[in-house]
Amino acid sequence: MNNSLSMYVIQEGASILSALQSINENTKGFLIVNNEVNKVVGVLTDGDIRRAFIAGATTNDSINDFAVRKFTSLSIKNDLSDAIEIFKIKAIKFLPILNENGELVNIITKDQLHALLLQDMHADINYDFTTL
């Protein structure tokens, strides 16, 4: 995994407090949840943590019960048009980009996509997600 992505990744079993600290540091409001072999197994947002607290969780509880296991992602084989279509869904704010082994290779946010499209209104729709 790219070192710059590590601030967006948390391991399964981590505490809610650890997740909150990571989200505070990355300032993006989300984390990608990896298992022990670095396969992406879920996502966790600040909203998921807020809902966990409302349900009675404490900062010492594990993120395992609150991470979203059914999440939307892209493969490195997808192209930019796929991301554009997915981001039309209002609730989706970020997309993990996974390799064929289910490992995180990049992340694209809705804000990044908008900026990319504004930079070049004639952007190459066959964008390589590993270069973001």
N, C-alpha and C. Protein backbone atom coordinates (compact mmCIF):
# COMPACT_ATOMS: atom_id res chain seq x y z
N MET A 1 0.84 -1.18 0.00
CA MET A 1 0.00 0.00 0.00
C MET A 1 0.88 1.24 0.00
N ASN A 2 0.46 2.21 -0.75
CA ASN A 2 1.11 3.51 -0.82
C ASN A 2 1.15 4.14 0.58
N ASN A 3 2.30 4.66 0.97
CA ASN A 3 2.46 5.26 2.30
C ASN A 3 1.49 6.41 2.55
N SER A 4 1.19 7.19 1.52
CA SER A 4 0.27 8.31 1.70
C SER A 4 -1.15 7.84 1.98
N LEU A 5 -1.46 6.59 1.70
CA LEU A 5 -2.79 6.05 1.97
C LEU A 5 -2.94 5.59 3.42
N SER A 6 -1.83 5.39 4.11
CA SER A 6 -1.90 4.82 5.46
C SER A 6 -2.72 5.67 6.42
N MET A 7 -2.81 6.96 6.18
CA MET A 7 -3.61 7.81 7.08
C MET A 7 -5.11 7.59 6.91
N TYR A 8 -5.49 6.85 5.88
CA TYR A 8 -6.89 6.55 5.63
C TYR A 8 -7.26 5.11 5.95
N VAL A 9 -6.33 4.37 6.50
CA VAL A 9 -6.53 2.93 6.75
C VAL A 9 -6.48 2.64 8.23
N ILE A 10 -7.37 1.75 8.66
CA ILE A 10 -7.37 1.27 10.04
C ILE A 10 -7.56 -0.24 9.99
N GLN A 11 -6.97 -0.92 10.95
CA GLN A 11 -7.07 -2.37 11.00
C GLN A 11 -8.34 -2.80 11.73
N GLU A 12 -8.90 -3.90 11.28
CA GLU A 12 -10.03 -4.50 11.99
C GLU A 12 -9.65 -4.66 13.46
N GLY A 13 -10.63 -4.49 14.32
CA GLY A 13 -10.39 -4.68 15.75
C GLY A 13 -9.91 -3.44 16.47
N ALA A 14 -9.56 -2.40 15.74
CA ALA A 14 -9.11 -1.17 16.39
C ALA A 14 -10.25 -0.57 17.20
N SER A 15 -9.91 0.27 18.15
CA SER A 15 -10.93 0.91 18.99
C SER A 15 -11.57 2.10 18.26
N ILE A 16 -12.74 2.44 18.71
CA ILE A 16 -13.42 3.62 18.18
C ILE A 16 -12.57 4.86 18.43
N LEU A 17 -11.91 4.93 19.59
CA LEU A 17 -11.04 6.07 19.88
C LEU A 17 -9.92 6.18 18.84
N SER A 18 -9.30 5.07 18.50
CA SER A 18 -8.25 5.06 17.49
C SER A 18 -8.80 5.53 16.14
N ALA A 19 -9.99 5.08 15.80
CA ALA A 19 -10.62 5.51 14.55
C ALA A 19 -10.89 7.00 14.55
N LEU A 20 -11.39 7.51 15.66
CA LEU A 20 -11.66 8.94 15.76
C LEU A 20 -10.36 9.75 15.61
N GLN A 21 -9.30 9.28 16.22
CA GLN A 21 -8.01 9.96 16.12
C GLN A 21 -7.52 9.97 14.67
N SER A 22 -7.67 8.85 13.98
CA SER A 22 -7.25 8.77 12.58
C SER A 22 -8.08 9.67 11.69
N ILE A 23 -9.39 9.68 11.90
CA ILE A 23 -10.26 10.55 11.11
C ILE A 23 -9.94 12.02 11.39
N ASN A 24 -9.64 12.33 12.63
CA ASN A 24 -9.27 13.70 12.97
C ASN A 24 -7.98 14.11 12.26
N GLU A 25 -7.03 13.19 12.17
CA GLU A 25 -5.75 13.48 11.52
C GLU A 25 -5.90 13.59 10.00
N ASN A 26 -6.69 12.73 9.38
CA ASN A 26 -6.78 12.79 7.91
C ASN A 26 -7.78 13.84 7.42
N THR A 27 -8.62 14.32 8.29
CA THR A 27 -9.61 15.39 8.03
C THR A 27 -10.59 15.09 6.90
N LYS A 28 -10.72 13.85 6.50
CA LYS A 28 -11.63 13.50 5.40
C LYS A 28 -12.95 12.89 5.87
N GLY A 29 -13.02 12.44 7.13
CA GLY A 29 -14.27 11.92 7.65
C GLY A 29 -14.50 10.44 7.39
N PHE A 30 -13.49 9.72 6.91
CA PHE A 30 -13.66 8.30 6.65
C PHE A 30 -12.35 7.55 6.82
N LEU A 31 -12.49 6.23 6.96
CA LEU A 31 -11.36 5.31 7.00
C LEU A 31 -11.71 4.07 6.19
N ILE A 32 -10.69 3.41 5.68
CA ILE A 32 -10.82 2.13 5.00
C ILE A 32 -10.38 1.07 6.00
N VAL A 33 -11.18 0.03 6.19
CA VAL A 33 -10.89 -1.01 7.17
C VAL A 33 -10.22 -2.20 6.47
N ASN A 34 -9.03 -2.53 6.94
CA ASN A 34 -8.26 -3.67 6.41
C ASN A 34 -8.26 -4.81 7.41
N ASN A 35 -8.18 -6.05 6.87
CA ASN A 35 -7.99 -7.20 7.75
C ASN A 35 -6.49 -7.46 7.93
N GLU A 36 -6.16 -8.57 8.56
CA GLU A 36 -4.76 -8.86 8.91
C GLU A 36 -3.87 -9.10 7.70
N VAL A 37 -4.44 -9.37 6.52
CA VAL A 37 -3.64 -9.57 5.31
C VAL A 37 -3.79 -8.39 4.34
N ASN A 38 -4.20 -7.25 4.89
CA ASN A 38 -4.33 -5.99 4.15
C ASN A 38 -5.38 -6.01 3.04
N LYS A 39 -6.36 -6.87 3.18
CA LYS A 39 -7.49 -6.86 2.26
C LYS A 39 -8.55 -5.91 2.83
N VAL A 40 -9.11 -5.09 1.98
CA VAL A 40 -10.15 -4.15 2.41
C VAL A 40 -11.42 -4.93 2.72
N VAL A 41 -11.92 -4.76 3.96
CA VAL A 41 -13.11 -5.51 4.38
C VAL A 41 -14.25 -4.59 4.79
N GLY A 42 -14.02 -3.27 4.74
CA GLY A 42 -15.08 -2.35 5.11
C GLY A 42 -14.63 -0.91 5.06
N VAL A 43 -15.58 -0.05 5.35
CA VAL A 43 -15.30 1.38 5.47
C VAL A 43 -15.96 1.88 6.74
N LEU A 44 -15.45 2.98 7.24
CA LEU A 44 -15.97 3.57 8.47
C LEU A 44 -15.95 5.07 8.33
N THR A 45 -17.07 5.71 8.60
CA THR A 45 -17.15 7.17 8.51
C THR A 45 -17.40 7.76 9.89
N ASP A 46 -17.21 9.07 9.97
CA ASP A 46 -17.51 9.74 11.23
C ASP A 46 -18.99 9.59 11.57
N GLY A 47 -19.84 9.50 10.56
CA GLY A 47 -21.27 9.26 10.80
C GLY A 47 -21.54 7.89 11.38
N ASP A 48 -20.80 6.89 10.92
CA ASP A 48 -20.95 5.53 11.48
C ASP A 48 -20.59 5.54 12.97
N ILE A 49 -19.55 6.29 13.31
CA ILE A 49 -19.12 6.37 14.71
C ILE A 49 -20.15 7.13 15.53
N ARG A 50 -20.69 8.20 14.98
CA ARG A 50 -21.75 8.95 15.68
C ARG A 50 -22.93 8.04 15.97
N ARG A 51 -23.33 7.25 14.98
CA ARG A 51 -24.46 6.32 15.17
C ARG A 51 -24.11 5.25 16.21
N ALA A 52 -22.85 4.83 16.25
CA ALA A 52 -22.41 3.85 17.26
C ALA A 52 -22.57 4.44 18.66
N PHE A 53 -22.16 5.70 18.84
CA PHE A 53 -22.32 6.34 20.15
C PHE A 53 -23.78 6.46 20.54
N ILE A 54 -24.62 6.82 19.58
CA ILE A 54 -26.05 6.92 19.86
C ILE A 54 -26.60 5.57 20.31
N ALA A 55 -26.04 4.48 19.76
CA ALA A 55 -26.48 3.13 20.13
C ALA A 55 -25.85 2.65 21.43
N GLY A 56 -24.99 3.46 22.05
CA GLY A 56 -24.43 3.10 23.34
C GLY A 56 -22.98 2.67 23.34
N ALA A 57 -22.30 2.74 22.22
CA ALA A 57 -20.89 2.36 22.15
C ALA A 57 -20.04 3.35 22.95
N THR A 58 -18.86 2.89 23.34
CA THR A 58 -17.89 3.76 24.00
C THR A 58 -16.63 3.82 23.16
N THR A 59 -15.73 4.71 23.51
CA THR A 59 -14.50 4.87 22.74
C THR A 59 -13.62 3.63 22.80
N ASN A 60 -13.82 2.79 23.81
CA ASN A 60 -13.02 1.57 23.92
C ASN A 60 -13.55 0.40 23.09
N ASP A 61 -14.78 0.52 22.58
CA ASP A 61 -15.36 -0.56 21.78
C ASP A 61 -14.62 -0.70 20.45
N SER A 62 -14.67 -1.88 19.88
CA SER A 62 -14.05 -2.17 18.59
C SER A 62 -14.89 -1.57 17.46
N ILE A 63 -14.21 -1.21 16.40
CA ILE A 63 -14.92 -0.71 15.21
C ILE A 63 -15.62 -1.83 14.45
N ASN A 64 -15.31 -3.07 14.78
CA ASN A 64 -15.82 -4.21 14.00
C ASN A 64 -17.33 -4.23 13.86
N ASP A 65 -18.05 -3.86 14.91
CA ASP A 65 -19.51 -3.91 14.86
C ASP A 65 -20.12 -2.71 14.15
N PHE A 66 -19.31 -1.70 13.81
CA PHE A 66 -19.85 -0.46 13.26
C PHE A 66 -19.34 -0.14 11.86
N ALA A 67 -18.31 -0.85 11.42
CA ALA A 67 -17.80 -0.65 10.06
C ALA A 67 -18.83 -1.18 9.05
N VAL A 68 -18.91 -0.52 7.94
CA VAL A 68 -19.83 -0.94 6.88
C VAL A 68 -19.12 -1.97 6.02
N ARG A 69 -19.66 -3.18 5.99
CA ARG A 69 -19.02 -4.29 5.27
C ARG A 69 -19.47 -4.38 3.81
N LYS A 70 -20.64 -3.85 3.51
CA LYS A 70 -21.11 -3.80 2.12
C LYS A 70 -20.89 -2.37 1.63
N PHE A 71 -19.81 -2.18 0.91
CA PHE A 71 -19.42 -0.84 0.49
C PHE A 71 -19.16 -0.83 -1.01
N THR A 72 -19.18 0.34 -1.57
CA THR A 72 -18.92 0.50 -3.00
C THR A 72 -17.45 0.81 -3.21
N SER A 73 -16.85 0.13 -4.18
CA SER A 73 -15.45 0.36 -4.51
C SER A 73 -15.27 0.22 -6.01
N LEU A 74 -14.09 0.57 -6.46
CA LEU A 74 -13.73 0.39 -7.86
C LEU A 74 -12.50 -0.50 -7.95
N SER A 75 -12.35 -1.14 -9.07
CA SER A 75 -11.14 -1.90 -9.37
C SER A 75 -10.20 -1.00 -10.15
N ILE A 76 -8.92 -1.32 -10.12
CA ILE A 76 -7.97 -0.56 -10.92
C ILE A 76 -8.27 -0.73 -12.41
N LYS A 77 -9.11 -1.70 -12.75
CA LYS A 77 -9.49 -1.92 -14.14
C LYS A 77 -10.63 -1.01 -14.58
N ASN A 78 -11.32 -0.36 -13.63
CA ASN A 78 -12.39 0.57 -13.98
C ASN A 78 -11.78 1.84 -14.56
N ASP A 79 -12.62 2.62 -15.19
CA ASP A 79 -12.13 3.90 -15.69
C ASP A 79 -12.91 5.04 -15.06
N LEU A 80 -12.53 6.25 -15.41
CA LEU A 80 -13.09 7.44 -14.79
C LEU A 80 -14.60 7.54 -14.99
N SER A 81 -15.10 7.07 -16.10
CA SER A 81 -16.55 7.14 -16.34
C SER A 81 -17.30 6.31 -15.30
N ASP A 82 -16.70 5.21 -14.84
CA ASP A 82 -17.34 4.40 -13.79
C ASP A 82 -17.45 5.20 -12.49
N ALA A 83 -16.38 5.91 -12.14
CA ALA A 83 -16.40 6.73 -10.93
C ALA A 83 -17.45 7.84 -11.06
N ILE A 84 -17.53 8.45 -12.22
CA ILE A 84 -18.51 9.52 -12.43
C ILE A 84 -19.92 8.99 -12.21
N GLU A 85 -20.23 7.83 -12.75
CA GLU A 85 -21.56 7.24 -12.58
C GLU A 85 -21.86 6.94 -11.11
N ILE A 86 -20.90 6.38 -10.40
CA ILE A 86 -21.11 6.04 -8.99
C ILE A 86 -21.29 7.29 -8.15
N PHE A 87 -20.50 8.33 -8.44
CA PHE A 87 -20.60 9.56 -7.65
C PHE A 87 -21.90 10.33 -7.91
N LYS A 88 -22.68 9.92 -8.88
CA LYS A 88 -23.99 10.52 -9.07
C LYS A 88 -24.92 10.15 -7.92
N ILE A 89 -24.59 9.07 -7.21
CA ILE A 89 -25.34 8.68 -6.02
C ILE A 89 -24.92 9.63 -4.90
N LYS A 90 -25.84 10.42 -4.43
CA LYS A 90 -25.53 11.50 -3.50
C LYS A 90 -24.80 11.04 -2.24
N ALA A 91 -25.14 9.88 -1.71
CA ALA A 91 -24.59 9.42 -0.43
C ALA A 91 -23.13 9.00 -0.53
N ILE A 92 -22.65 8.68 -1.72
CA ILE A 92 -21.27 8.21 -1.86
C ILE A 92 -20.33 9.39 -2.02
N LYS A 93 -19.40 9.50 -1.08
CA LYS A 93 -18.46 10.64 -1.06
C LYS A 93 -17.03 10.22 -1.40
N PHE A 94 -16.74 8.91 -1.33
CA PHE A 94 -15.40 8.42 -1.62
C PHE A 94 -15.48 6.98 -2.14
N LEU A 95 -14.45 6.59 -2.88
CA LEU A 95 -14.39 5.24 -3.42
C LEU A 95 -13.00 4.66 -3.22
N PRO A 96 -12.90 3.55 -2.50
CA PRO A 96 -11.62 2.84 -2.45
C PRO A 96 -11.36 2.22 -3.83
N ILE A 97 -10.12 2.30 -4.29
CA ILE A 97 -9.70 1.66 -5.53
C ILE A 97 -8.89 0.43 -5.13
N LEU A 98 -9.35 -0.75 -5.54
CA LEU A 98 -8.76 -2.00 -5.10
C LEU A 98 -8.08 -2.74 -6.25
N ASN A 99 -7.00 -3.46 -5.93
CA ASN A 99 -6.36 -4.31 -6.92
C ASN A 99 -7.10 -5.65 -6.97
N GLU A 100 -6.61 -6.57 -7.79
CA GLU A 100 -7.27 -7.86 -7.98
C GLU A 100 -7.29 -8.71 -6.71
N ASN A 101 -6.45 -8.38 -5.72
CA ASN A 101 -6.42 -9.12 -4.45
C ASN A 101 -7.28 -8.46 -3.37
N GLY A 102 -7.98 -7.39 -3.73
CA GLY A 102 -8.81 -6.69 -2.76
C GLY A 102 -8.03 -5.76 -1.85
N GLU A 103 -6.82 -5.41 -2.27
CA GLU A 103 -5.97 -4.50 -1.48
C GLU A 103 -6.14 -3.07 -1.98
N LEU A 104 -6.07 -2.14 -1.06
CA LEU A 104 -6.22 -0.73 -1.39
C LEU A 104 -5.01 -0.22 -2.17
N VAL A 105 -5.26 0.38 -3.33
CA VAL A 105 -4.18 0.98 -4.10
C VAL A 105 -4.36 2.49 -4.24
N ASN A 106 -5.60 2.96 -4.01
CA ASN A 106 -5.85 4.39 -4.07
C ASN A 106 -7.25 4.66 -3.55
N ILE A 107 -7.54 5.94 -3.39
CA ILE A 107 -8.86 6.40 -2.98
C ILE A 107 -9.16 7.63 -3.82
N ILE A 108 -10.39 7.72 -4.30
CA ILE A 108 -10.81 8.94 -4.97
C ILE A 108 -12.04 9.47 -4.24
N THR A 109 -12.05 10.75 -3.98
CA THR A 109 -13.19 11.39 -3.33
C THR A 109 -14.00 12.14 -4.39
N LYS A 110 -15.24 12.42 -4.04
CA LYS A 110 -16.09 13.18 -4.95
C LYS A 110 -15.47 14.55 -5.22
N ASP A 111 -14.88 15.17 -4.20
CA ASP A 111 -14.23 16.47 -4.39
C ASP A 111 -13.06 16.38 -5.35
N GLN A 112 -12.26 15.31 -5.24
CA GLN A 112 -11.13 15.12 -6.16
C GLN A 112 -11.62 14.96 -7.59
N LEU A 113 -12.68 14.20 -7.76
CA LEU A 113 -13.22 13.99 -9.09
C LEU A 113 -13.68 15.30 -9.70
N HIS A 114 -14.39 16.10 -8.92
CA HIS A 114 -14.84 17.40 -9.42
C HIS A 114 -13.65 18.26 -9.82
N ALA A 115 -12.61 18.29 -8.98
CA ALA A 115 -11.43 19.09 -9.29
C ALA A 115 -10.74 18.59 -10.55
N LEU A 116 -10.65 17.27 -10.70
CA LEU A 116 -10.02 16.67 -11.87
C LEU A 116 -10.77 17.06 -13.14
N LEU A 117 -12.09 16.99 -13.08
CA LEU A 117 -12.90 17.32 -14.25
C LEU A 117 -12.84 18.81 -14.57
N LEU A 118 -12.76 19.64 -13.55
CA LEU A 118 -12.66 21.08 -13.78
C LEU A 118 -11.31 21.48 -14.36
N GLN A 119 -10.26 20.75 -13.99
CA GLN A 119 -8.92 21.04 -14.52
C GLN A 119 -8.89 20.89 -16.03
N ASP A 120 -9.55 19.87 -16.49
CA ASP A 120 -9.53 19.60 -17.92
C ASP A 120 -10.88 19.04 -18.32
N MET A 121 -11.70 19.89 -18.84
CA MET A 121 -13.05 19.47 -19.22
C MET A 121 -13.02 18.38 -20.29
N HIS A 122 -11.85 18.15 -20.88
CA HIS A 122 -11.70 17.11 -21.88
C HIS A 122 -10.83 15.98 -21.32
N ALA A 123 -11.00 15.70 -20.03
CA ALA A 123 -10.16 14.68 -19.37
C ALA A 123 -10.31 13.34 -20.06
N ASP A 124 -9.22 12.60 -20.05
CA ASP A 124 -9.20 11.25 -20.62
C ASP A 124 -10.05 10.35 -19.74
N ILE A 125 -11.14 9.85 -20.27
CA ILE A 125 -12.05 9.02 -19.50
C ILE A 125 -11.39 7.69 -19.11
N ASN A 126 -10.33 7.29 -19.76
CA ASN A 126 -9.62 6.06 -19.42
C ASN A 126 -8.52 6.34 -18.42
N TYR A 127 -8.79 7.11 -17.41
CA TYR A 127 -7.80 7.51 -16.41
C TYR A 127 -7.32 6.30 -15.62
N ASP A 128 -6.03 6.26 -15.36
CA ASP A 128 -5.41 5.18 -14.58
C ASP A 128 -5.55 5.51 -13.10
N PHE A 129 -6.37 4.76 -12.37
CA PHE A 129 -6.63 5.07 -10.97
C PHE A 129 -5.41 4.90 -10.07
N THR A 130 -4.40 4.22 -10.51
CA THR A 130 -3.20 4.07 -9.68
C THR A 130 -2.35 5.33 -9.70
N THR A 131 -2.69 6.31 -10.54
CA THR A 131 -1.88 7.53 -10.63
C THR A 131 -2.50 8.72 -9.94
N LEU A 132 -3.63 8.56 -9.30
CA LEU A 132 -4.28 9.69 -8.62
C LEU A 132 -3.45 10.16 -7.45
